[in-house]
C-alpha atoms as a PDB file:
ATOM      1  CA  UNK A   1     -16.706 -27.663 -28.968  1.00  0.00           C
ATOM      2  CA  UNK A   2     -15.585 -25.787 -31.935  1.00  0.00           C
ATOM      3  CA  UNK A   3     -17.852 -22.903 -33.376  1.00  0.00           C
ATOM      4  CA  UNK A   4     -18.636 -19.351 -32.460  1.00  0.00           C
ATOM      5  CA  UNK A   5     -19.002 -18.892 -28.967  1.00  0.00           C
ATOM      6  CA  UNK A   6     -22.268 -18.088 -27.055  1.00  0.00           C
ATOM      7  CA  UNK A   7     -22.362 -14.004 -26.430  1.00  0.00           C
ATOM      8  CA  UNK A   8     -24.066 -13.920 -23.154  1.00  0.00           C
ATOM      9  CA  UNK A   9     -24.337  -9.737 -23.636  1.00  0.00           C
ATOM     10  CA  UNK A  10     -26.649  -9.583 -26.320  1.00  0.00           C
ATOM     11  CA  UNK A  11     -29.144  -8.904 -23.962  1.00  0.00           C
ATOM     12  CA  UNK A  12     -29.337  -6.427 -20.744  1.00  0.00           C
ATOM     13  CA  UNK A  13     -31.041  -9.156 -19.104  1.00  0.00           C
ATOM     14  CA  UNK A  14     -28.831 -11.758 -16.718  1.00  0.00           C
ATOM     15  CA  UNK A  15     -28.364 -15.104 -17.409  1.00  0.00           C
ATOM     16  CA  UNK A  16     -27.600 -15.673 -14.173  1.00  0.00           C
ATOM     17  CA  UNK A  17     -29.732 -15.079 -11.495  1.00  0.00           C
ATOM     18  CA  UNK A  18     -28.153 -15.110  -8.086  1.00  0.00           C
ATOM     19  CA  UNK A  19     -30.089 -16.638  -5.226  1.00  0.00           C
ATOM     20  CA  UNK A  20     -28.710 -16.856  -1.942  1.00  0.00           C
ATOM     21  CA  UNK A  21     -30.243 -21.019  -1.892  1.00  0.00           C
ATOM     22  CA  UNK A  22     -29.796 -21.816  -5.020  1.00  0.00           C
ATOM     23  CA  UNK A  23     -26.528 -21.801  -7.300  1.00  0.00           C
ATOM     24  CA  UNK A  24     -27.758 -22.526 -10.556  1.00  0.00           C
ATOM     25  CA  UNK A  25     -30.739 -20.340 -11.178  1.00  0.00           C
ATOM     26  CA  UNK A  26     -30.337 -19.386 -15.155  1.00  0.00           C
ATOM     27  CA  UNK A  27     -32.757 -18.109 -18.196  1.00  0.00           C
ATOM     28  CA  UNK A  28     -32.592 -20.076 -21.115  1.00  0.00           C
ATOM     29  CA  UNK A  29     -33.446 -17.032 -23.467  1.00  0.00           C
ATOM     30  CA  UNK A  30     -31.762 -15.421 -26.075  1.00  0.00           C
ATOM     31  CA  UNK A  31     -30.278 -18.493 -27.835  1.00  0.00           C
ATOM     32  CA  UNK A  32     -30.500 -18.116 -31.497  1.00  0.00           C
ATOM     33  CA  UNK A  33     -32.483 -20.582 -33.286  1.00  0.00           C
ATOM     34  CA  UNK A  34     -31.278 -22.230 -37.177  1.00  0.00           C
ATOM     35  CA  UNK A  35     -32.989 -20.515 -38.739  1.00  0.00           C
ATOM     36  CA  UNK A  36     -32.188 -16.870 -37.041  1.00  0.00           C
ATOM     37  CA  UNK A  37     -35.144 -16.176 -34.467  1.00  0.00           C
ATOM     38  CA  UNK A  38     -34.066 -15.598 -30.888  1.00  0.00           C
ATOM     39  CA  UNK A  39     -35.775 -17.748 -27.445  1.00  0.00           C
ATOM     40  CA  UNK A  40     -37.591 -14.973 -25.616  1.00  0.00           C
ATOM     41  CA  UNK A  41     -35.984 -14.163 -22.532  1.00  0.00           C
ATOM     42  CA  UNK A  42     -37.993 -14.478 -18.963  1.00  0.00           C
ATOM     43  CA  UNK A  43     -40.013 -17.326 -20.452  1.00  0.00           C
ATOM     44  CA  UNK A  44     -38.172 -20.209 -18.727  1.00  0.00           C
ATOM     45  CA  UNK A  45     -35.917 -20.496 -16.199  1.00  0.00           C
ATOM     46  CA  UNK A  46     -33.380 -23.769 -15.166  1.00  0.00           C
ATOM     47  CA  UNK A  47     -32.303 -24.327 -11.452  1.00  0.00           C
ATOM     48  CA  UNK A  48     -30.770 -26.164  -8.681  1.00  0.00           C
ATOM     49  CA  UNK A  49     -32.910 -27.305  -5.725  1.00  0.00           C
ATOM     50  CA  UNK A  50     -35.096 -24.875  -3.988  1.00  0.00           C
ATOM     51  CA  UNK A  51     -35.749 -26.220  -0.999  1.00  0.00           C
ATOM     52  CA  UNK A  52     -33.015 -23.868   0.881  1.00  0.00           C
ATOM     53  CA  UNK A  53     -33.913 -20.656  -0.856  1.00  0.00           C
ATOM     54  CA  UNK A  54     -34.404 -17.525   1.285  1.00  0.00           C
ATOM     55  CA  UNK A  55     -37.175 -15.119   1.845  1.00  0.00           C
ATOM     56  CA  UNK A  56     -35.247 -12.473  -0.422  1.00  0.00           C
ATOM     57  CA  UNK A  57     -34.605 -14.870  -3.279  1.00  0.00           C
ATOM     58  CA  UNK A  58     -38.836 -15.964  -2.613  1.00  0.00           C
ATOM     59  CA  UNK A  59     -39.280 -12.046  -3.688  1.00  0.00           C
ATOM     60  CA  UNK A  60     -36.556 -12.738  -6.479  1.00  0.00           C
ATOM     61  CA  UNK A  61     -38.602 -15.467  -7.874  1.00  0.00           C
ATOM     62  CA  UNK A  62     -42.019 -13.480  -8.005  1.00  0.00           C
ATOM     63  CA  UNK A  63     -40.558 -10.626  -9.110  1.00  0.00           C
ATOM     64  CA  UNK A  64     -39.731 -12.252 -11.966  1.00  0.00           C
ATOM     65  CA  UNK A  65     -43.402 -13.239 -12.450  1.00  0.00           C
ATOM     66  CA  UNK A  66     -42.398 -16.901 -11.928  1.00  0.00           C
ATOM     67  CA  UNK A  67     -46.147 -18.932 -12.538  1.00  0.00           C
ATOM     68  CA  UNK A  68     -45.317 -22.352 -12.571  1.00  0.00           C
ATOM     69  CA  UNK A  69     -42.521 -24.466 -10.933  1.00  0.00           C
ATOM     70  CA  UNK A  70     -42.025 -28.024 -13.031  1.00  0.00           C
ATOM     71  CA  UNK A  71     -40.261 -30.218 -10.312  1.00  0.00           C
ATOM     72  CA  UNK A  72     -38.026 -33.111 -11.823  1.00  0.00           C
ATOM     73  CA  UNK A  73     -36.959 -34.308  -8.698  1.00  0.00           C
ATOM     74  CA  UNK A  74     -38.275 -37.797  -7.026  1.00  0.00           C
ATOM     75  CA  UNK A  75     -41.230 -38.014  -4.501  1.00  0.00           C
ATOM     76  CA  UNK A  76     -38.913 -39.164  -2.367  1.00  0.00           C
ATOM     77  CA  UNK A  77     -36.219 -36.068  -2.948  1.00  0.00           C
ATOM     78  CA  UNK A  78     -39.475 -33.815  -2.475  1.00  0.00           C
ATOM     79  CA  UNK A  79     -40.417 -34.968   0.643  1.00  0.00           C
ATOM     80  CA  UNK A  80     -36.980 -34.903   2.049  1.00  0.00           C
ATOM     81  CA  UNK A  81     -36.438 -31.110   0.886  1.00  0.00           C
ATOM     82  CA  UNK A  82     -39.577 -29.462  -0.157  1.00  0.00           C
ATOM     83  CA  UNK A  83     -39.506 -26.683  -2.450  1.00  0.00           C
ATOM     84  CA  UNK A  84     -40.008 -22.972  -0.776  1.00  0.00           C
ATOM     85  CA  UNK A  85     -42.229 -20.989  -3.220  1.00  0.00           C
ATOM     86  CA  UNK A  86     -43.950 -17.656  -3.235  1.00  0.00           C
ATOM     87  CA  UNK A  87     -47.592 -18.175  -2.718  1.00  0.00           C
ATOM     88  CA  UNK A  88     -50.001 -18.741  -5.701  1.00  0.00           C
ATOM     89  CA  UNK A  89     -47.580 -20.863  -7.846  1.00  0.00           C
ATOM     90  CA  UNK A  90     -48.152 -24.147  -9.688  1.00  0.00           C
ATOM     91  CA  UNK A  91     -46.132 -26.866  -8.291  1.00  0.00           C
ATOM     92  CA  UNK A  92     -45.709 -29.617 -10.961  1.00  0.00           C
ATOM     93  CA  UNK A  93     -44.382 -32.962 -10.145  1.00  0.00           C
ATOM     94  CA  UNK A  94     -43.964 -36.245 -11.682  1.00  0.00           C
ATOM     95  CA  UNK A  95     -47.048 -38.248 -12.131  1.00  0.00           C
ATOM     96  CA  UNK A  96     -44.728 -41.466 -11.934  1.00  0.00           C
ATOM     97  CA  UNK A  97     -43.571 -41.772  -8.459  1.00  0.00           C
ATOM     98  CA  UNK A  98     -40.843 -44.268  -9.978  1.00  0.00           C
ATOM     99  CA  UNK A  99     -40.266 -43.306 -13.174  1.00  0.00           C
ATOM    100  CA  UNK A 100     -36.718 -42.662 -13.073  1.00  0.00           C
ATOM    101  CA  UNK A 101     -36.223 -46.099 -11.337  1.00  0.00           C
ATOM    102  CA  UNK A 102     -33.807 -47.274 -13.467  1.00  0.00           C
ATOM    103  CA  UNK A 103     -31.713 -44.529 -13.650  1.00  0.00           C
ATOM    104  CA  UNK A 104     -31.615 -43.839  -9.945  1.00  0.00           C
ATOM    105  CA  UNK A 105     -30.817 -47.560  -9.548  1.00  0.00           C
ATOM    106  CA  UNK A 106     -27.394 -46.529 -11.764  1.00  0.00           C
ATOM    107  CA  UNK A 107     -26.840 -43.624  -9.948  1.00  0.00           C
ATOM    108  CA  UNK A 108     -26.641 -45.515  -6.393  1.00  0.00           C
ATOM    109  CA  UNK A 109     -24.496 -48.100  -8.122  1.00  0.00           C
ATOM    110  CA  UNK A 110     -22.200 -45.904  -9.146  1.00  0.00           C
ATOM    111  CA  UNK A 111     -22.403 -44.165  -5.994  1.00  0.00           C
ATOM    112  CA  UNK A 112     -21.883 -47.686  -3.706  1.00  0.00           C
ATOM    113  CA  UNK A 113     -18.368 -48.284  -6.302  1.00  0.00           C
ATOM    114  CA  UNK A 114     -17.427 -44.935  -5.873  1.00  0.00           C
ATOM    115  CA  UNK A 115     -17.729 -44.929  -1.679  1.00  0.00           C
ATOM    116  CA  UNK A 116     -15.990 -48.591  -2.268  1.00  0.00           C
ATOM    117  CA  UNK A 117     -12.879 -47.353  -4.148  1.00  0.00           C
ATOM    118  CA  UNK A 118     -13.923 -49.033  -6.965  1.00  0.00           C
ATOM    119  CA  UNK A 119     -13.861 -46.614  -9.585  1.00  0.00           C
ATOM    120  CA  UNK A 120     -11.293 -43.857 -10.580  1.00  0.00           C
ATOM    121  CA  UNK A 121     -12.278 -40.553 -12.610  1.00  0.00           C
ATOM    122  CA  UNK A 122     -12.390 -42.339 -15.763  1.00  0.00           C
ATOM    123  CA  UNK A 123     -14.695 -45.009 -14.765  1.00  0.00           C
ATOM    124  CA  UNK A 124     -17.173 -42.463 -13.117  1.00  0.00           C
ATOM    125  CA  UNK A 125     -17.346 -40.659 -16.195  1.00  0.00           C
ATOM    126  CA  UNK A 126     -17.837 -43.948 -18.784  1.00  0.00           C
ATOM    127  CA  UNK A 127     -20.826 -44.963 -16.063  1.00  0.00           C
ATOM    128  CA  UNK A 128     -22.531 -41.043 -15.833  1.00  0.00           C
ATOM    129  CA  UNK A 129     -22.223 -41.113 -19.524  1.00  0.00           C
ATOM    130  CA  UNK A 130     -24.480 -44.925 -19.308  1.00  0.00           C
ATOM    131  CA  UNK A 131     -26.676 -43.151 -16.957  1.00  0.00           C
ATOM    132  CA  UNK A 132     -27.318 -40.089 -19.645  1.00  0.00           C
ATOM    133  CA  UNK A 133     -27.906 -42.399 -22.154  1.00  0.00           C
ATOM    134  CA  UNK A 134     -31.120 -43.751 -20.249  1.00  0.00           C
ATOM    135  CA  UNK A 135     -32.798 -40.542 -20.505  1.00  0.00           C
ATOM    136  CA  UNK A 136     -34.535 -40.684 -24.081  1.00  0.00           C
ATOM    137  CA  UNK A 137     -35.485 -43.843 -23.480  1.00  0.00           C
ATOM    138  CA  UNK A 138     -35.975 -45.206 -19.564  1.00  0.00           C
ATOM    139  CA  UNK A 139     -37.195 -41.183 -18.697  1.00  0.00           C
ATOM    140  CA  UNK A 140     -39.640 -40.580 -21.756  1.00  0.00           C
ATOM    141  CA  UNK A 141     -42.656 -40.766 -20.103  1.00  0.00           C
ATOM    142  CA  UNK A 142     -41.665 -37.943 -17.668  1.00  0.00           C
ATOM    143  CA  UNK A 143     -39.683 -35.771 -20.316  1.00  0.00           C
ATOM    144  CA  UNK A 144     -42.879 -35.752 -22.813  1.00  0.00           C
ATOM    145  CA  UNK A 145     -45.355 -34.465 -19.862  1.00  0.00           C
ATOM    146  CA  UNK A 146     -42.935 -32.035 -19.149  1.00  0.00           C
ATOM    147  CA  UNK A 147     -42.479 -31.134 -22.525  1.00  0.00           C
ATOM    148  CA  UNK A 148     -46.675 -31.108 -22.989  1.00  0.00           C
ATOM    149  CA  UNK A 149     -46.659 -28.700 -20.351  1.00  0.00           C
ATOM    150  CA  UNK A 150     -45.136 -25.960 -22.090  1.00  0.00           C
ATOM    151  CA  UNK A 151     -47.697 -25.889 -24.593  1.00  0.00           C
ATOM    152  CA  UNK A 152     -49.671 -24.296 -21.964  1.00  0.00           C
ATOM    153  CA  UNK A 153     -49.365 -20.836 -22.533  1.00  0.00           C
ATOM    154  CA  UNK A 154     -50.615 -19.672 -19.138  1.00  0.00           C
ATOM    155  CA  UNK A 155     -47.876 -21.565 -17.496  1.00  0.00           C
ATOM    156  CA  UNK A 156     -45.061 -18.994 -17.615  1.00  0.00           C
ATOM    157  CA  UNK A 157     -43.175 -17.929 -16.802  1.00  0.00           C
ATOM    158  CA  UNK A 158     -42.139 -21.394 -15.407  1.00  0.00           C
ATOM    159  CA  UNK A 159     -38.684 -22.699 -13.716  1.00  0.00           C
ATOM    160  CA  UNK A 160     -37.845 -26.516 -14.293  1.00  0.00           C
ATOM    161  CA  UNK A 161     -35.365 -27.972 -11.812  1.00  0.00           C
ATOM    162  CA  UNK A 162     -34.109 -31.185  -9.856  1.00  0.00           C
ATOM    163  CA  UNK A 163     -31.570 -31.380  -6.882  1.00  0.00           C
ATOM    164  CA  UNK A 164     -27.911 -30.135  -8.739  1.00  0.00           C
ATOM    165  CA  UNK A 165     -29.772 -28.186 -12.011  1.00  0.00           C
ATOM    166  CA  UNK A 166     -27.508 -30.023 -14.164  1.00  0.00           C
ATOM    167  CA  UNK A 167     -28.333 -33.665 -15.052  1.00  0.00           C
ATOM    168  CA  UNK A 168     -32.176 -33.829 -15.471  1.00  0.00           C
ATOM    169  CA  UNK A 169     -32.699 -30.608 -15.509  1.00  0.00           C
ATOM    170  CA  UNK A 170     -29.695 -30.014 -18.429  1.00  0.00           C
ATOM    171  CA  UNK A 171     -31.576 -32.915 -20.473  1.00  0.00           C
ATOM    172  CA  UNK A 172     -35.088 -31.190 -20.460  1.00  0.00           C
ATOM    173  CA  UNK A 173     -33.470 -28.109 -21.412  1.00  0.00           C
ATOM    174  CA  UNK A 174     -31.576 -29.645 -23.977  1.00  0.00           C
ATOM    175  CA  UNK A 175     -35.134 -30.728 -25.417  1.00  0.00           C
ATOM    176  CA  UNK A 176     -36.608 -27.657 -24.846  1.00  0.00           C
ATOM    177  CA  UNK A 177     -34.408 -25.944 -27.317  1.00  0.00           C
ATOM    178  CA  UNK A 178     -34.199 -28.869 -29.552  1.00  0.00           C
ATOM    179  CA  UNK A 179     -37.661 -28.690 -30.026  1.00  0.00           C
ATOM    180  CA  UNK A 180     -37.279 -24.635 -30.401  1.00  0.00           C
ATOM    181  CA  UNK A 181     -34.606 -25.514 -33.221  1.00  0.00           C
ATOM    182  CA  UNK A 182     -31.722 -24.485 -31.526  1.00  0.00           C
ATOM    183  CA  UNK A 183     -28.573 -26.073 -32.696  1.00  0.00           C
ATOM    184  CA  UNK A 184     -27.150 -28.918 -30.646  1.00  0.00           C
ATOM    185  CA  UNK A 185     -23.642 -27.011 -30.488  1.00  0.00           C
ATOM    186  CA  UNK A 186     -25.484 -23.678 -28.976  1.00  0.00           C
ATOM    187  CA  UNK A 187     -27.947 -26.445 -26.369  1.00  0.00           C
ATOM    188  CA  UNK A 188     -24.188 -28.263 -25.647  1.00  0.00           C
ATOM    189  CA  UNK A 189     -22.668 -24.475 -24.418  1.00  0.00           C
ATOM    190  CA  UNK A 190     -25.690 -24.044 -22.726  1.00  0.00           C
ATOM    191  CA  UNK A 191     -25.446 -27.209 -20.905  1.00  0.00           C
ATOM    192  CA  UNK A 192     -21.510 -26.141 -19.822  1.00  0.00           C
ATOM    193  CA  UNK A 193     -22.779 -23.419 -18.231  1.00  0.00           C
ATOM    194  CA  UNK A 194     -23.437 -25.432 -14.849  1.00  0.00           C
ATOM    195  CA  UNK A 195     -19.813 -25.524 -14.440  1.00  0.00           C
ATOM    196  CA  UNK A 196     -19.739 -22.175 -13.530  1.00  0.00           C
ATOM    197  CA  UNK A 197     -22.563 -22.439 -11.192  1.00  0.00           C
ATOM    198  CA  UNK A 198     -23.001 -25.996  -9.532  1.00  0.00           C
ATOM    199  CA  UNK A 199     -23.397 -27.118  -5.984  1.00  0.00           C
ATOM    200  CA  UNK A 200     -20.096 -29.178  -5.090  1.00  0.00           C
ATOM    201  CA  UNK A 201     -21.676 -33.016  -4.046  1.00  0.00           C
ATOM    202  CA  UNK A 202     -18.683 -33.361  -1.644  1.00  0.00           C
ATOM    203  CA  UNK A 203     -21.088 -33.198   1.354  1.00  0.00           C
ATOM    204  CA  UNK A 204     -22.294 -36.320  -0.013  1.00  0.00           C
ATOM    205  CA  UNK A 205     -19.582 -38.282  -0.314  1.00  0.00           C
ATOM    206  CA  UNK A 206     -16.534 -39.630   1.863  1.00  0.00           C
ATOM    207  CA  UNK A 207     -14.090 -37.531   1.906  1.00  0.00           C
ATOM    208  CA  UNK A 208     -11.207 -40.144   1.074  1.00  0.00           C
ATOM    209  CA  UNK A 209     -13.439 -39.542  -2.778  1.00  0.00           C
ATOM    210  CA  UNK A 210     -10.520 -37.756  -5.311  1.00  0.00           C
ATOM    211  CA  UNK A 211     -11.061 -34.750  -6.743  1.00  0.00           C
ATOM    212  CA  UNK A 212     -11.111 -35.885 -10.490  1.00  0.00           C
ATOM    213  CA  UNK A 213     -14.021 -38.311  -8.790  1.00  0.00           C
ATOM    214  CA  UNK A 214     -15.687 -35.608  -7.424  1.00  0.00           C
ATOM    215  CA  UNK A 215     -15.293 -33.209 -10.580  1.00  0.00           C
ATOM    216  CA  UNK A 216     -16.391 -35.644 -12.754  1.00  0.00           C
ATOM    217  CA  UNK A 217     -20.208 -36.049 -10.097  1.00  0.00           C
ATOM    218  CA  UNK A 218     -20.299 -32.497  -9.829  1.00  0.00           C
ATOM    219  CA  UNK A 219     -19.619 -30.961 -13.187  1.00  0.00           C
ATOM    220  CA  UNK A 220     -20.916 -31.603 -16.329  1.00  0.00           C
ATOM    221  CA  UNK A 221     -18.908 -32.467 -19.680  1.00  0.00           C
ATOM    222  CA  UNK A 222     -19.567 -32.659 -23.170  1.00  0.00           C
ATOM    223  CA  UNK A 223     -19.643 -36.327 -23.503  1.00  0.00           C
ATOM    224  CA  UNK A 224     -22.747 -36.878 -20.769  1.00  0.00           C
ATOM    225  CA  UNK A 225     -25.069 -34.737 -23.069  1.00  0.00           C
ATOM    226  CA  UNK A 226     -23.856 -36.242 -26.188  1.00  0.00           C
ATOM    227  CA  UNK A 227     -24.389 -39.463 -24.719  1.00  0.00           C
ATOM    228  CA  UNK A 228     -28.216 -38.581 -24.371  1.00  0.00           C
ATOM    229  CA  UNK A 229     -27.736 -37.578 -28.001  1.00  0.00           C
ATOM    230  CA  UNK A 230     -26.381 -40.460 -29.462  1.00  0.00           C
ATOM    231  CA  UNK A 231     -29.116 -42.759 -27.763  1.00  0.00           C
ATOM    232  CA  UNK A 232     -31.379 -40.373 -30.235  1.00  0.00           C
ATOM    233  CA  UNK A 233     -29.675 -40.777 -33.119  1.00  0.00           C
ATOM    234  CA  UNK A 234     -29.161 -44.486 -32.569  1.00  0.00           C
ATOM    235  CA  UNK A 235     -32.208 -46.063 -30.990  1.00  0.00           C
ATOM    236  CA  UNK A 236     -35.053 -42.893 -31.418  1.00  0.00           C
ATOM    237  CA  UNK A 237     -34.053 -42.089 -35.458  1.00  0.00           C
ATOM    238  CA  UNK A 238     -32.587 -38.506 -34.537  1.00  0.00           C
ATOM    239  CA  UNK A 239     -33.856 -35.366 -33.551  1.00  0.00           C
ATOM    240  CA  UNK A 240     -36.845 -35.193 -35.881  1.00  0.00           C
ATOM    241  CA  UNK A 241     -38.504 -38.511 -35.310  1.00  0.00           C
ATOM    242  CA  UNK A 242     -37.576 -38.546 -31.565  1.00  0.00           C
ATOM    243  CA  UNK A 243     -39.554 -35.007 -31.338  1.00  0.00           C
ATOM    244  CA  UNK A 244     -42.450 -36.517 -33.195  1.00  0.00           C
ATOM    245  CA  UNK A 245     -42.544 -40.017 -32.341  1.00  0.00           C
ATOM    246  CA  UNK A 246     -41.154 -39.921 -28.674  1.00  0.00           C
ATOM    247  CA  UNK A 247     -42.263 -36.629 -27.416  1.00  0.00           C
ATOM    248  CA  UNK A 248     -45.676 -36.522 -29.174  1.00  0.00           C
ATOM    249  CA  UNK A 249     -44.630 -32.851 -30.636  1.00  0.00           C
ATOM    250  CA  UNK A 250     -46.333 -32.965 -34.184  1.00  0.00           C
ATOM    251  CA  UNK A 251     -45.919 -30.009 -36.798  1.00  0.00           C
ATOM    252  CA  UNK A 252     -48.842 -27.870 -35.138  1.00  0.00           C
ATOM    253  CA  UNK A 253     -47.130 -28.619 -31.454  1.00  0.00           C
ATOM    254  CA  UNK A 254     -43.762 -27.095 -32.644  1.00  0.00           C
ATOM    255  CA  UNK A 255     -45.330 -24.094 -34.574  1.00  0.00           C
ATOM    256  CA  UNK A 256     -47.683 -23.617 -31.040  1.00  0.00           C
ATOM    257  CA  UNK A 257     -44.526 -23.966 -29.034  1.00  0.00           C
ATOM    258  CA  UNK A 258     -42.015 -21.798 -31.168  1.00  0.00           C
ATOM    259  CA  UNK A 259     -44.753 -18.815 -31.425  1.00  0.00           C
ATOM    260  CA  UNK A 260     -44.971 -18.946 -27.425  1.00  0.00           C
ATOM    261  CA  UNK A 261     -41.265 -19.283 -26.879  1.00  0.00           C
ATOM    262  CA  UNK A 262     -39.402 -17.371 -29.955  1.00  0.00           C
ATOM    263  CA  UNK A 263     -39.436 -13.712 -30.666  1.00  0.00           C
ATOM    264  CA  UNK A 264     -40.872 -12.939 -33.876  1.00  0.00           C
ATOM    265  CA  UNK A 265     -39.073 -13.025 -36.871  1.00  0.00           C
ATOM    266  CA  UNK A 266     -37.723  -9.848 -37.575  1.00  0.00           C
ATOM    267  CA  UNK A 267     -37.658 -10.844 -41.744  1.00  0.00           C
END
């Protein structure tokens, strides 16, 4: 994306939190909004799975003061790899066990075609884009539930995560920053940071899968998130209408959310 690169040194607080059992644990604070304010640090963290974190990692999370973990994974994923968490945290999970059935079905179709050798990297990328296009519509109920959790001031600091911390979590964080008034350019730059810290999916695929296809699945690309934005623009009426009618965030909600998660204006 063209434009000014994000300055990750504007705060002494690190954006990436190094954990032994989770690679993609990051703070979403510090980003400028369109009106010049800045997202508060140490309010919302994004992560990949927390099922393999160590005792030392649990201590780090406890020291960060985390109160709530919002797990975007399916019931099946949670049962097979439950989060390890400090005691006393509130765990929020999907209220609709099959909320992402269509997206999961599409993901499984992609995997089946890849394993059968029927997709190359280019086709794989196109199908991943199709998966993202479903996020604002087929999974709207779950993302609406997540975004309204943020209106509860007592839930912070919060960690939102899925399995790899890049797709479902990437879209959840994109919506969070959108609601706070962060530009799409900055949202996209934050999204692409997952390429630095992501987990490899090599162990979940046959060794015959090409490095190019593995990269398309393990990493993130601008076109993936832009496909979700395209749905918001063409199907949902654009950001403002999507926030209001899709996510149910009226003017009062947005003002409240920004009061909680943005630093006060210095103007």
